[in-house]
N, C-alpha and C. Protein backbone atom coordinates (compact mmCIF):
# COMPACT_ATOMS: atom_id res chain seq x y z
N MET A 1 117.49 115.54 122.29
CA MET A 1 118.90 115.43 121.95
C MET A 1 119.15 116.36 120.76
N LEU A 2 120.04 117.28 120.92
CA LEU A 2 120.28 118.33 119.94
C LEU A 2 120.70 117.81 118.57
N ASN A 3 121.62 116.87 118.51
CA ASN A 3 122.16 116.41 117.23
C ASN A 3 121.56 115.10 116.74
N CYS A 4 120.53 114.61 117.39
CA CYS A 4 119.93 113.33 117.01
C CYS A 4 119.02 113.52 115.78
N LEU A 5 119.30 112.78 114.74
CA LEU A 5 118.52 112.87 113.50
C LEU A 5 117.04 112.63 113.76
N PHE A 6 116.71 111.58 114.50
CA PHE A 6 115.30 111.26 114.72
C PHE A 6 114.62 112.28 115.62
N CYS A 7 115.32 112.82 116.61
CA CYS A 7 114.74 113.89 117.42
C CYS A 7 114.43 115.11 116.55
N ARG A 8 115.29 115.40 115.61
CA ARG A 8 115.08 116.54 114.71
C ARG A 8 113.92 116.27 113.75
N ILE A 9 113.74 115.02 113.32
CA ILE A 9 112.58 114.67 112.49
C ILE A 9 111.30 114.84 113.30
N ILE A 10 111.28 114.33 114.52
CA ILE A 10 110.11 114.46 115.39
C ILE A 10 109.76 115.93 115.61
N ALA A 11 110.77 116.77 115.77
CA ALA A 11 110.57 118.19 116.02
C ALA A 11 110.15 118.95 114.76
N GLY A 12 110.19 118.29 113.60
CA GLY A 12 109.83 118.94 112.35
C GLY A 12 110.94 119.75 111.72
N GLU A 13 112.16 119.61 112.23
CA GLU A 13 113.31 120.34 111.69
C GLU A 13 113.83 119.72 110.40
N ILE A 14 113.60 118.42 110.26
CA ILE A 14 114.02 117.68 109.07
C ILE A 14 112.77 117.00 108.52
N PRO A 15 112.50 117.15 107.22
CA PRO A 15 111.29 116.54 106.67
C PRO A 15 111.36 115.02 106.63
N ALA A 16 110.20 114.41 106.82
CA ALA A 16 110.06 112.95 106.70
C ALA A 16 108.64 112.67 106.26
N ASN A 17 108.45 111.52 105.65
CA ASN A 17 107.11 111.11 105.22
C ASN A 17 106.43 110.43 106.41
N LYS A 18 105.76 111.24 107.25
CA LYS A 18 105.11 110.74 108.45
C LYS A 18 103.93 109.85 108.07
N VAL A 19 103.82 108.71 108.74
CA VAL A 19 102.70 107.80 108.50
C VAL A 19 101.84 107.59 109.74
N TYR A 20 102.37 107.99 110.92
CA TYR A 20 101.62 107.77 112.16
C TYR A 20 102.22 108.65 113.23
N GLU A 21 101.36 109.14 114.11
CA GLU A 21 101.83 109.87 115.28
C GLU A 21 100.78 109.79 116.36
N ASP A 22 101.24 109.61 117.59
CA ASP A 22 100.37 109.73 118.75
C ASP A 22 101.15 110.48 119.82
N ALA A 23 100.66 110.49 121.02
CA ALA A 23 101.29 111.28 122.08
C ALA A 23 102.71 110.83 122.39
N ASP A 24 103.02 109.54 122.18
CA ASP A 24 104.32 109.00 122.59
C ASP A 24 105.20 108.51 121.47
N THR A 25 104.64 108.28 120.28
CA THR A 25 105.41 107.70 119.18
C THR A 25 105.24 108.50 117.90
N PHE A 26 106.18 108.30 117.00
CA PHE A 26 106.18 108.96 115.69
C PHE A 26 106.69 107.92 114.70
N ALA A 27 106.06 107.81 113.55
CA ALA A 27 106.47 106.81 112.55
C ALA A 27 106.58 107.46 111.18
N PHE A 28 107.58 107.03 110.43
CA PHE A 28 107.82 107.60 109.11
C PHE A 28 108.46 106.55 108.20
N GLU A 29 108.34 106.79 106.90
CA GLU A 29 108.90 105.88 105.91
C GLU A 29 110.42 105.89 105.98
N ASP A 30 111.03 104.71 105.89
CA ASP A 30 112.49 104.61 105.82
C ASP A 30 112.96 105.15 104.47
N LEU A 31 114.05 105.91 104.48
CA LEU A 31 114.58 106.48 103.23
C LEU A 31 115.19 105.43 102.31
N HIS A 32 115.58 104.29 102.86
CA HIS A 32 116.19 103.21 102.08
C HIS A 32 115.42 101.92 102.37
N PRO A 33 114.20 101.81 101.85
CA PRO A 33 113.34 100.68 102.21
C PRO A 33 113.92 99.34 101.77
N GLN A 34 113.74 98.35 102.66
CA GLN A 34 114.19 96.99 102.40
C GLN A 34 113.01 96.06 102.10
N ALA A 35 111.81 96.62 102.04
CA ALA A 35 110.59 95.88 101.72
C ALA A 35 109.56 96.90 101.24
N PRO A 36 108.48 96.45 100.59
CA PRO A 36 107.46 97.40 100.14
C PRO A 36 106.94 98.30 101.27
N THR A 37 106.79 97.74 102.47
CA THR A 37 106.54 98.56 103.65
C THR A 37 107.78 98.51 104.51
N HIS A 38 108.36 99.66 104.73
CA HIS A 38 109.50 99.79 105.65
C HIS A 38 109.34 101.11 106.38
N VAL A 39 108.77 101.02 107.56
CA VAL A 39 108.46 102.19 108.37
C VAL A 39 109.29 102.12 109.65
N LEU A 40 109.76 103.27 110.10
CA LEU A 40 110.47 103.36 111.37
C LEU A 40 109.53 103.96 112.40
N VAL A 41 109.39 103.30 113.52
CA VAL A 41 108.56 103.78 114.62
C VAL A 41 109.50 104.13 115.77
N VAL A 42 109.43 105.38 116.21
CA VAL A 42 110.35 105.86 117.24
C VAL A 42 109.58 106.43 118.42
N PRO A 43 110.13 106.29 119.62
CA PRO A 43 109.53 106.99 120.75
C PRO A 43 109.88 108.48 120.63
N LYS A 44 108.96 109.33 121.04
CA LYS A 44 109.26 110.76 121.03
C LYS A 44 110.33 111.09 122.08
N LYS A 45 110.38 110.32 123.13
CA LYS A 45 111.43 110.49 124.13
C LYS A 45 112.73 109.91 123.56
N HIS A 46 113.81 110.65 123.71
CA HIS A 46 115.09 110.13 123.21
C HIS A 46 115.60 109.01 124.12
N ILE A 47 115.75 107.84 123.53
CA ILE A 47 116.39 106.68 124.16
C ILE A 47 117.37 106.18 123.12
N ALA A 48 118.63 106.09 123.45
CA ALA A 48 119.65 105.76 122.46
C ALA A 48 119.42 104.40 121.80
N ASP A 49 119.12 103.39 122.62
CA ASP A 49 118.88 102.06 122.08
C ASP A 49 118.24 101.21 123.17
N LEU A 50 117.89 100.01 122.84
CA LEU A 50 117.22 99.14 123.79
C LEU A 50 118.12 98.84 125.00
N ALA A 51 119.42 98.74 124.78
CA ALA A 51 120.34 98.47 125.87
C ALA A 51 120.36 99.60 126.90
N GLU A 52 120.06 100.80 126.46
CA GLU A 52 120.05 101.96 127.37
C GLU A 52 118.67 102.22 127.96
N ALA A 53 117.65 101.52 127.50
CA ALA A 53 116.31 101.73 128.02
C ALA A 53 116.24 101.26 129.47
N ALA A 54 115.46 102.00 130.25
CA ALA A 54 115.28 101.67 131.66
C ALA A 54 113.90 101.05 131.85
N ALA A 55 113.68 100.49 133.03
CA ALA A 55 112.37 99.91 133.33
C ALA A 55 111.26 100.96 133.17
N THR A 56 111.57 102.20 133.43
CA THR A 56 110.58 103.28 133.27
C THR A 56 110.24 103.54 131.81
N ASP A 57 111.02 102.99 130.88
CA ASP A 57 110.77 103.14 129.45
C ASP A 57 109.95 101.99 128.87
N ALA A 58 109.60 101.01 129.69
CA ALA A 58 108.90 99.82 129.20
C ALA A 58 107.62 100.19 128.47
N ASN A 59 106.87 101.12 128.98
CA ASN A 59 105.61 101.49 128.35
C ASN A 59 105.83 102.04 126.94
N VAL A 60 106.75 102.97 126.79
CA VAL A 60 106.94 103.57 125.47
C VAL A 60 107.56 102.58 124.49
N VAL A 61 108.40 101.67 124.96
CA VAL A 61 108.95 100.64 124.07
C VAL A 61 107.80 99.76 123.56
N GLY A 62 106.90 99.37 124.45
CA GLY A 62 105.73 98.59 124.04
C GLY A 62 104.82 99.37 123.11
N LEU A 63 104.66 100.68 123.37
CA LEU A 63 103.81 101.50 122.50
C LEU A 63 104.36 101.59 121.09
N CYS A 64 105.68 101.54 120.95
CA CYS A 64 106.27 101.52 119.60
C CYS A 64 105.86 100.25 118.85
N GLN A 65 105.87 99.12 119.54
CA GLN A 65 105.44 97.86 118.92
C GLN A 65 103.95 97.91 118.56
N LEU A 66 103.14 98.47 119.44
CA LEU A 66 101.70 98.57 119.16
C LEU A 66 101.43 99.54 118.01
N ALA A 67 102.20 100.61 117.91
CA ALA A 67 102.06 101.52 116.78
C ALA A 67 102.42 100.80 115.48
N ALA A 68 103.47 99.98 115.51
CA ALA A 68 103.85 99.20 114.32
C ALA A 68 102.71 98.27 113.92
N ALA A 69 102.08 97.62 114.89
CA ALA A 69 100.96 96.73 114.59
C ALA A 69 99.79 97.49 113.98
N GLU A 70 99.52 98.69 114.47
CA GLU A 70 98.44 99.50 113.91
C GLU A 70 98.74 99.91 112.47
N ILE A 71 99.96 100.30 112.20
CA ILE A 71 100.35 100.66 110.83
C ILE A 71 100.22 99.44 109.93
N ALA A 72 100.63 98.27 110.41
CA ALA A 72 100.50 97.03 109.63
C ALA A 72 99.04 96.76 109.31
N ARG A 73 98.14 96.95 110.27
CA ARG A 73 96.70 96.78 110.01
C ARG A 73 96.23 97.78 108.96
N GLN A 74 96.63 99.02 109.09
CA GLN A 74 96.22 100.05 108.14
C GLN A 74 96.69 99.73 106.73
N ARG A 75 97.83 99.08 106.62
CA ARG A 75 98.40 98.76 105.31
C ARG A 75 97.99 97.38 104.80
N GLY A 76 97.16 96.69 105.55
CA GLY A 76 96.67 95.40 105.10
C GLY A 76 97.70 94.30 105.07
N LEU A 77 98.63 94.32 105.98
CA LEU A 77 99.69 93.30 106.00
C LEU A 77 99.22 92.04 106.73
N SER A 78 98.09 91.52 106.29
CA SER A 78 97.47 90.38 106.97
C SER A 78 98.23 89.08 106.79
N LYS A 79 99.09 88.97 105.78
CA LYS A 79 99.88 87.75 105.60
C LYS A 79 101.11 87.72 106.49
N GLY A 80 101.41 88.85 107.10
CA GLY A 80 102.54 88.89 108.02
C GLY A 80 103.44 90.08 107.81
N TYR A 81 104.20 90.36 108.83
CA TYR A 81 105.18 91.44 108.83
C TYR A 81 106.20 91.14 109.91
N ARG A 82 107.25 91.92 109.92
CA ARG A 82 108.31 91.73 110.91
C ARG A 82 108.58 93.07 111.58
N THR A 83 108.84 93.03 112.89
CA THR A 83 109.37 94.20 113.58
C THR A 83 110.77 93.85 114.06
N VAL A 84 111.68 94.80 113.90
CA VAL A 84 113.08 94.58 114.23
C VAL A 84 113.60 95.78 115.00
N VAL A 85 114.35 95.50 116.05
CA VAL A 85 115.06 96.55 116.78
C VAL A 85 116.54 96.17 116.76
N ASN A 86 117.33 96.97 116.07
CA ASN A 86 118.77 96.76 116.04
C ASN A 86 119.39 97.49 117.23
N VAL A 87 120.33 96.83 117.90
CA VAL A 87 120.97 97.41 119.07
C VAL A 87 122.48 97.42 118.86
N GLY A 88 123.04 98.57 118.63
CA GLY A 88 124.48 98.73 118.47
C GLY A 88 124.95 98.58 117.05
N PRO A 89 126.17 99.04 116.80
CA PRO A 89 126.71 99.03 115.44
C PRO A 89 126.85 97.64 114.83
N ASP A 90 127.19 96.63 115.63
CA ASP A 90 127.34 95.28 115.08
C ASP A 90 126.01 94.70 114.61
N ALA A 91 124.91 95.24 115.11
CA ALA A 91 123.58 94.78 114.68
C ALA A 91 123.04 95.63 113.53
N GLY A 92 123.79 96.67 113.14
CA GLY A 92 123.37 97.51 112.03
C GLY A 92 122.72 98.81 112.45
N GLN A 93 122.71 99.13 113.73
CA GLN A 93 122.12 100.41 114.16
C GLN A 93 123.04 101.54 113.73
N THR A 94 122.47 102.49 112.97
CA THR A 94 123.26 103.63 112.50
C THR A 94 122.77 104.95 113.09
N VAL A 95 121.53 105.00 113.54
CA VAL A 95 121.01 106.18 114.22
C VAL A 95 120.73 105.76 115.66
N PHE A 96 121.35 106.45 116.60
CA PHE A 96 121.26 106.03 117.99
C PHE A 96 120.12 106.75 118.72
N HIS A 97 118.94 106.42 118.23
CA HIS A 97 117.65 106.75 118.84
C HIS A 97 116.84 105.48 118.62
N LEU A 98 116.41 104.87 119.71
CA LEU A 98 115.67 103.61 119.61
C LEU A 98 114.62 103.70 118.51
N HIS A 99 114.55 102.67 117.67
CA HIS A 99 113.52 102.64 116.63
C HIS A 99 113.19 101.20 116.27
N VAL A 100 111.92 101.02 115.93
CA VAL A 100 111.41 99.73 115.49
C VAL A 100 111.23 99.79 113.99
N HIS A 101 111.84 98.85 113.28
CA HIS A 101 111.61 98.73 111.84
C HIS A 101 110.37 97.87 111.64
N LEU A 102 109.42 98.36 110.88
CA LEU A 102 108.27 97.57 110.45
C LEU A 102 108.50 97.21 109.00
N LEU A 103 108.62 95.92 108.71
CA LEU A 103 108.89 95.43 107.36
C LEU A 103 107.77 94.50 106.93
N GLY A 104 107.26 94.69 105.73
CA GLY A 104 106.22 93.80 105.23
C GLY A 104 105.92 94.08 103.77
N GLY A 105 104.93 93.35 103.27
CA GLY A 105 104.53 93.52 101.88
C GLY A 105 105.19 92.55 100.93
N ARG A 106 106.03 91.66 101.45
CA ARG A 106 106.66 90.60 100.66
C ARG A 106 107.03 89.49 101.62
N SER A 107 107.36 88.33 101.09
CA SER A 107 107.82 87.23 101.91
C SER A 107 109.18 87.59 102.49
N LEU A 108 109.35 87.39 103.78
CA LEU A 108 110.61 87.72 104.46
C LEU A 108 111.31 86.42 104.85
N SER A 109 112.56 86.29 104.46
CA SER A 109 113.30 85.05 104.72
C SER A 109 113.86 85.05 106.14
N TRP A 110 114.28 83.87 106.58
CA TRP A 110 114.89 83.73 107.89
C TRP A 110 116.08 82.79 107.79
N PRO A 111 117.20 83.03 108.37
CA PRO A 111 117.49 84.18 109.22
C PRO A 111 117.67 85.45 108.39
N PRO A 112 117.44 86.62 109.01
CA PRO A 112 117.45 87.85 108.25
C PRO A 112 118.83 88.33 107.85
N GLY A 113 119.89 87.96 108.51
CA GLY A 113 121.19 88.50 108.09
C GLY A 113 122.26 87.83 108.78
């Protein structure tokens, strides 16, 4: 996607603090962290949001969650962490490229918002 911020980060056109990459996913530090660990995990394939994902995207959506779990292990988040996928503007999605927020490093309250 030509004008997608996250596609441009994946392509290396916009700098980001990359923390993980594999064949299907890319992860980087959130610019406005809400916890000591706040990483965004995105599929390299452009998918606007979970509502637009197709059954053929199930594998890459799952791989984003597994990448988040690997980053959590690497960061020693053994007491717990949260993964969040916001879908649409009412849920707080501001960049329309599917992404998983990995939050951890502090106690997280519930409900979140």
